[in-house]
Amino acid sequence: MVKLRLKRCGRKQPVYRIVAIDVRSRREGRDLRKVGFYDPIKNQTYLNVPAILYFLEKGAQPTGTVQDILKKAEVFKELRSNQTKFN
């Protein structure tokens, strides 16, 4: 199963990449694809929305923190609109 989760980068100041990764891999393990970036100190996010939508449509599960980030960016609304187009 694939999850969308945070991968820590940076030593002193935490900066995170949002990655699609296999559940069995550890946090710093090999990711399938980098799909975003999150800086909690500067409160900046960058999301590759088409890649995120692709993984969500394939059944990827976001972790709690990533789900909150995606809700703020209203990615789930786009997911619903894409699903209604195809049905």
Protein backbone atom coordinates (compact mmCIF):
# COMPACT_ATOMS: atom_id res chain seq x y z
CA MET A 1 0.00 0.00 0.00
CA VAL A 2 1.19 3.52 -0.78
CA LYS A 3 0.99 6.44 1.64
CA LEU A 4 1.50 10.15 1.23
CA ARG A 5 3.67 11.19 4.15
CA LEU A 6 6.27 13.68 5.29
CA LYS A 7 9.99 13.08 4.86
CA ARG A 8 12.21 15.29 6.99
CA CYS A 9 14.98 17.36 5.42
CA GLY A 10 17.14 19.90 7.16
CA ARG A 11 19.03 19.55 10.40
CA LYS A 12 18.37 22.49 12.65
CA GLN A 13 15.17 23.79 11.14
CA PRO A 14 12.72 21.09 10.12
CA VAL A 15 11.66 21.20 6.48
CA TYR A 16 9.61 18.38 5.01
CA ARG A 17 9.04 16.86 1.60
CA ILE A 18 5.68 15.31 0.90
CA VAL A 19 6.38 11.97 -0.74
CA ALA A 20 4.51 8.94 -2.00
CA ILE A 21 6.15 5.99 -0.29
CA ASP A 22 5.51 2.31 0.36
CA VAL A 23 4.06 1.68 3.83
CA ARG A 24 6.80 -0.78 4.73
CA SER A 25 9.57 1.79 4.16
CA ARG A 26 10.91 3.87 7.00
CA ARG A 27 10.46 7.64 7.10
CA GLU A 28 13.80 8.38 5.48
CA GLY A 29 13.55 5.45 3.09
CA ARG A 30 13.34 5.41 -0.67
CA ASP A 31 10.27 7.20 -1.95
CA LEU A 32 8.29 6.49 -5.10
CA ARG A 33 7.92 10.16 -6.00
CA LYS A 34 8.25 13.59 -4.42
CA VAL A 35 4.90 15.35 -4.67
CA GLY A 36 5.30 18.41 -2.49
CA PHE A 37 7.18 20.51 0.02
CA TYR A 38 6.21 21.87 3.46
CA ASP A 39 8.04 24.41 5.62
CA PRO A 40 6.28 24.78 9.00
CA ILE A 41 8.44 27.69 10.16
CA LYS A 42 7.74 29.93 7.16
CA ASN A 43 4.33 28.28 6.70
CA GLN A 44 5.00 27.61 3.00
CA THR A 45 3.72 24.71 0.96
CA TYR A 46 4.27 23.63 -2.61
CA LEU A 47 2.11 20.85 -3.99
CA ASN A 48 2.31 19.02 -7.29
CA VAL A 49 -1.46 18.65 -7.47
CA PRO A 50 -1.68 16.41 -10.58
CA ALA A 51 0.77 13.93 -9.02
CA ILE A 52 -1.11 13.98 -5.70
CA LEU A 53 -4.44 13.41 -7.46
CA TYR A 54 -2.91 10.52 -9.40
CA PHE A 55 -1.77 8.75 -6.22
CA LEU A 56 -5.06 9.44 -4.40
CA GLU A 57 -7.04 8.01 -7.33
CA LYS A 58 -4.85 4.89 -7.23
CA GLY A 59 -5.71 4.39 -3.54
CA ALA A 60 -2.85 6.09 -1.67
CA GLN A 61 -3.69 7.04 1.92
CA PRO A 62 -2.41 10.38 3.30
CA THR A 63 -1.20 10.55 6.89
CA GLY A 64 -2.99 12.88 9.28
CA THR A 65 -0.63 15.82 8.84
CA VAL A 66 -0.52 15.48 5.07
CA GLN A 67 -4.31 15.22 5.01
CA ASP A 68 -4.56 18.53 6.91
CA ILE A 69 -2.16 20.18 4.43
CA LEU A 70 -4.19 18.86 1.49
CA LYS A 71 -7.46 20.07 3.06
CA LYS A 72 -6.06 23.59 3.42
CA ALA A 73 -5.04 23.52 -0.24
CA GLU A 74 -8.51 22.18 -1.19
CA VAL A 75 -7.05 19.23 -3.10
CA PHE A 76 -9.93 16.95 -2.09
CA LYS A 77 -12.43 19.24 -3.85
CA GLU A 78 -10.45 18.78 -7.05
CA LEU A 79 -10.40 15.02 -6.48
CA ARG A 80 -14.20 14.96 -6.20
CA SER A 81 -14.64 17.10 -9.30
CA ASN A 82 -12.32 14.79 -11.27
CA GLN A 83 -14.26 11.73 -10.16
CA THR A 84 -17.60 13.23 -11.22
CA LYS A 85 -16.19 14.04 -14.67
CA PHE A 86 -15.32 10.40 -15.34
CA ASN A 87 -18.57 8.89 -14.04
